Amino acid sequence: MSQILLSPNEARVLAALVEKSITTPQYYPMTVNALMMASNQKNSRSPVMNLTEGDTGAALNTLEADKLVTRDDNAGRVPKWRHRFHHQLLLKAPTMAVLATLMLRGPQTPAELRANAAVLNGPPDAEGIQAALNDLADRASPFVMQLGKQPGQAAARWIHLLSGTPSAAEINEAVSRPMRAPALEPASSRSDLEARLAQLEARIDELEQRLTAAGG
């Protein structure tokens, strides 16, 4: 496909959809509300965002036009969404995990990527991480690039390019931004809320289907 250029909102929504398809498959595909909450998590996100339902829906509509997401027509009356990230970008699962992690967490060293992408079934060793980065960088329109080492850093960080090549100021701001540790947020509170919302929406779907059948 042609070169991808995503807005920050679109990149976050798409990466969050990829993440949840792996970490909570029982609640996938996802509604707009559930995806909004996943995009706005305070842990495992950099920067932390505050998307509205309208922001999330608009991002999904654009991603759908670019064939990066699709509606699930079999998911009941509440619209739900699936990603087509790996299909459209021709990504193997471990490589997709690395790219999604960069989209969710900002610039990272290979060691940070190895740790952070593990939850998405990313490469288990340094060689695998480097192979994934090389694959993403060695394309007609590269998906990632390596940043120069910052003062005091032992290793260079990598950044994704799906939202365009960042300016020097943006790079400096991103690499200096501290990551919020998951421990600072009540354990599993966000995931629990997402799960409860998904369960409630599933029950509503089921009740609506029963009412429709009874009325027919």
Protein backbone atom coordinates (compact mmCIF):
# COMPACT_ATOMS: atom_id res chain seq x y z
CA MET A 1 0.00 0.00 0.00
CA SER A 2 1.02 3.65 -0.32
CA GLN A 3 2.94 5.43 2.42
CA ILE A 4 0.99 5.61 5.68
CA LEU A 5 0.60 8.91 7.49
CA LEU A 6 -1.44 8.65 10.68
CA SER A 7 -2.44 11.40 13.05
CA PRO A 8 -1.43 10.87 16.70
CA ASN A 9 -5.05 9.93 17.49
CA GLU A 10 -5.19 7.39 14.67
CA ALA A 11 -1.84 5.86 15.66
CA ARG A 12 -2.96 5.49 19.28
CA VAL A 13 -6.36 3.98 18.40
CA LEU A 14 -4.84 1.52 15.94
CA ALA A 15 -2.08 0.42 18.31
CA ALA A 16 -4.51 0.05 21.21
CA LEU A 17 -6.73 -2.13 19.03
CA VAL A 18 -3.73 -4.30 18.17
CA GLU A 19 -2.73 -4.52 21.83
CA LYS A 20 -6.15 -5.55 23.11
CA SER A 21 -6.61 -8.14 20.36
CA ILE A 22 -3.64 -9.93 21.93
CA THR A 23 -3.94 -9.19 25.65
CA THR A 24 -7.74 -9.49 26.03
CA PRO A 25 -8.95 -11.54 23.05
CA GLN A 26 -12.14 -12.44 24.92
CA TYR A 27 -13.27 -8.81 24.57
CA TYR A 28 -12.21 -8.42 20.95
CA PRO A 29 -13.46 -6.99 18.57
CA MET A 30 -13.92 -3.72 20.46
CA THR A 31 -16.58 -1.04 20.74
CA VAL A 32 -15.74 2.63 20.38
CA ASN A 33 -16.14 3.20 24.13
CA ALA A 34 -13.89 0.30 25.11
CA LEU A 35 -11.29 1.40 22.58
CA MET A 36 -11.44 4.98 23.85
CA MET A 37 -10.60 3.78 27.36
CA ALA A 38 -7.80 1.57 26.05
CA SER A 39 -6.34 4.52 24.16
CA ASN A 40 -6.49 6.74 27.25
CA GLN A 41 -4.81 4.33 29.68
CA LYS A 42 -2.40 6.02 32.05
CA ASN A 43 -0.06 3.02 32.19
CA SER A 44 1.95 1.68 29.25
CA ARG A 45 1.28 4.85 27.23
CA SER A 46 3.50 7.75 26.23
CA PRO A 47 2.24 10.35 25.91
CA VAL A 48 -0.90 9.85 28.00
CA MET A 49 -3.85 11.01 25.88
CA ASN A 50 -7.44 12.03 26.60
CA LEU A 51 -9.43 11.08 23.51
CA THR A 52 -13.18 11.56 23.48
CA GLU A 53 -15.68 9.14 21.99
CA GLY A 54 -15.89 11.46 18.99
CA ASP A 55 -12.09 11.50 18.59
CA THR A 56 -12.00 7.71 18.69
CA GLY A 57 -14.85 7.32 16.21
CA ALA A 58 -13.30 9.81 13.80
CA ALA A 59 -9.95 7.98 13.99
CA LEU A 60 -11.67 4.65 13.27
CA ASN A 61 -13.48 6.09 10.26
CA THR A 62 -10.21 7.31 8.77
CA LEU A 63 -8.46 4.02 9.54
CA GLU A 64 -11.34 2.16 7.92
CA ALA A 65 -10.96 4.24 4.76
CA ASP A 66 -7.26 3.29 4.76
CA LYS A 67 -8.24 -0.39 5.24
CA LEU A 68 -6.32 -0.60 8.51
CA VAL A 69 -9.43 -1.48 10.53
CA THR A 70 -12.79 -3.01 9.69
CA ARG A 71 -16.21 -3.22 11.31
CA ASP A 72 -17.27 -6.62 12.55
CA ASP A 73 -20.73 -7.17 11.10
CA ASN A 74 -21.28 -10.27 13.26
CA ALA A 75 -20.68 -8.54 16.61
CA GLY A 76 -24.28 -7.57 17.41
CA ARG A 77 -26.02 -4.22 17.29
CA VAL A 78 -23.25 -2.25 18.97
CA PRO A 79 -20.59 -1.58 16.29
CA LYS A 80 -17.30 -3.30 17.01
CA TRP A 81 -13.95 -3.05 15.30
CA ARG A 82 -11.06 -5.28 14.23
CA HIS A 83 -7.62 -4.22 13.02
CA ARG A 84 -6.04 -5.27 9.74
CA PHE A 85 -2.63 -3.93 10.71
CA HIS A 86 -0.56 -7.01 9.97
CA HIS A 87 -2.40 -7.76 6.71
CA GLN A 88 -2.06 -4.28 5.25
CA LEU A 89 1.55 -3.71 6.32
CA LEU A 90 2.66 -7.31 5.66
CA LEU A 91 3.88 -7.77 9.22
CA LYS A 92 4.71 -10.98 11.01
CA ALA A 93 3.26 -11.19 14.52
CA PRO A 94 6.52 -10.49 16.44
CA THR A 95 7.34 -7.54 14.18
CA MET A 96 3.83 -6.16 14.59
CA ALA A 97 4.31 -6.37 18.36
CA VAL A 98 7.46 -4.24 18.17
CA LEU A 99 5.84 -1.60 15.96
CA ALA A 100 2.68 -1.40 18.09
CA THR A 101 4.81 -1.02 21.22
CA LEU A 102 6.64 1.93 19.68
CA MET A 103 3.28 3.48 18.76
CA LEU A 104 1.96 3.06 22.31
CA ARG A 105 5.04 3.94 24.36
CA GLY A 106 7.13 6.29 22.24
CA PRO A 107 10.90 6.04 21.56
CA GLN A 108 12.60 3.02 23.15
CA THR A 109 15.92 1.20 23.14
CA PRO A 110 16.01 -2.40 21.89
CA ALA A 111 16.24 -3.58 25.51
CA GLU A 112 13.16 -1.56 26.44
CA LEU A 113 11.33 -2.91 23.41
CA ARG A 114 12.19 -6.47 24.36
CA ALA A 115 10.65 -5.98 27.80
CA ASN A 116 7.65 -3.91 26.73
CA ALA A 117 6.70 -5.93 23.65
CA ALA A 118 6.72 -9.21 25.60
CA VAL A 119 3.06 -8.78 26.56
CA LEU A 120 2.22 -8.60 22.84
CA ASN A 121 4.22 -11.76 22.09
CA GLY A 122 7.17 -9.82 20.76
CA PRO A 123 10.58 -11.36 20.05
CA PRO A 124 11.99 -13.04 23.18
CA ASP A 125 15.65 -12.13 22.63
CA ALA A 126 17.83 -9.24 21.54
CA GLU A 127 18.52 -10.81 18.15
CA GLY A 128 14.80 -11.10 17.44
CA ILE A 129 14.17 -7.48 18.41
CA GLN A 130 16.96 -6.28 16.15
CA ALA A 131 15.69 -8.44 13.28
CA ALA A 132 12.22 -6.91 13.69
CA LEU A 133 13.64 -3.39 13.74
CA ASN A 134 15.73 -4.11 10.65
CA ASP A 135 12.64 -5.41 8.85
CA LEU A 136 10.64 -2.30 9.76
CA ALA A 137 13.47 0.03 8.73
CA ASP A 138 14.38 -1.76 5.49
CA ARG A 139 11.32 -0.82 3.45
CA ALA A 140 10.67 1.55 0.57
CA SER A 141 8.89 3.76 3.11
CA PRO A 142 10.50 2.86 6.45
CA PHE A 143 8.21 2.32 9.43
CA VAL A 144 10.91 3.05 12.04
CA MET A 145 14.19 4.92 12.39
CA GLN A 146 17.03 4.91 14.90
CA LEU A 147 17.64 8.10 16.84
CA GLY A 148 21.05 9.37 17.80
CA LYS A 149 22.20 8.61 21.34
CA GLN A 150 21.18 11.21 23.85
CA PRO A 151 23.65 12.41 26.51
CA GLY A 152 23.98 9.84 29.27
CA GLN A 153 22.26 7.08 27.30
CA ALA A 154 24.00 3.74 26.82
CA ALA A 155 21.93 2.75 23.78
CA ALA A 156 20.17 4.56 20.96
CA ARG A 157 16.39 4.60 20.85
CA TRP A 158 14.07 3.80 17.97
CA ILE A 159 10.92 5.65 16.93
CA HIS A 160 8.05 4.78 14.60
CA LEU A 161 7.43 6.84 11.45
CA LEU A 162 3.77 6.09 10.79
CA SER A 163 2.93 9.64 11.85
CA GLY A 164 5.72 11.13 9.76
CA THR A 165 9.33 11.99 10.53
CA PRO A 166 9.41 13.96 13.79
CA SER A 167 11.22 17.27 14.08
CA ALA A 168 14.33 17.62 16.23
CA ALA A 169 12.28 19.38 18.91
CA GLU A 170 9.69 16.62 18.92
CA ILE A 171 12.39 13.97 19.22
CA ASN A 172 14.08 15.76 22.12
CA GLU A 173 10.74 16.17 23.92
CA ALA A 174 9.76 12.53 23.35
CA VAL A 175 13.00 10.94 24.50
CA SER A 176 13.12 13.12 27.61
CA ARG A 177 9.52 12.32 28.60
CA PRO A 178 9.48 9.91 31.53
CA MET A 179 7.37 6.77 31.23
CA ARG A 180 4.73 6.30 33.89
CA ALA A 181 5.32 3.01 35.67
CA PRO A 182 2.31 0.69 35.74
CA ALA A 183 2.64 0.46 39.55
CA LEU A 184 1.56 4.08 39.88
CA GLU A 185 -1.95 3.15 38.77
CA PRO A 186 -4.21 0.90 40.87
CA ALA A 187 -3.50 -2.66 39.79
CA SER A 188 -5.63 -3.77 36.85
CA SER A 189 -8.18 -0.98 37.43
CA ARG A 190 -8.28 0.11 33.80
CA SER A 191 -8.32 -3.43 32.45
CA ASP A 192 -11.08 -4.38 34.88
CA LEU A 193 -13.17 -1.42 33.77
CA GLU A 194 -12.69 -2.31 30.12
CA ALA A 195 -13.66 -5.91 30.83
CA ARG A 196 -16.82 -4.88 32.69
CA LEU A 197 -17.82 -2.53 29.89
CA ALA A 198 -17.31 -5.27 27.31
CA GLN A 199 -19.38 -7.72 29.37
CA LEU A 200 -22.20 -5.18 29.78
CA GLU A 201 -22.25 -4.45 26.06
CA ALA A 202 -22.33 -8.17 25.28
CA ARG A 203 -25.31 -8.63 27.59
CA ILE A 204 -27.13 -5.74 25.94
CA ASP A 205 -26.50 -7.31 22.53
CA GLU A 206 -27.87 -10.63 23.74
CA LEU A 207 -31.00 -9.04 25.25
CA GLU A 208 -31.67 -7.07 22.08
CA GLN A 209 -31.35 -10.20 19.98
CA ARG A 210 -33.77 -12.06 22.26
CA LEU A 211 -36.29 -9.21 22.12
CA THR A 212 -36.03 -9.11 18.34
CA ALA A 213 -36.57 -12.86 18.10
CA ALA A 214 -39.55 -12.72 20.48
CA GLY A 215 -41.09 -9.84 18.56
CA GLY A 216 -40.66 -11.61 15.26
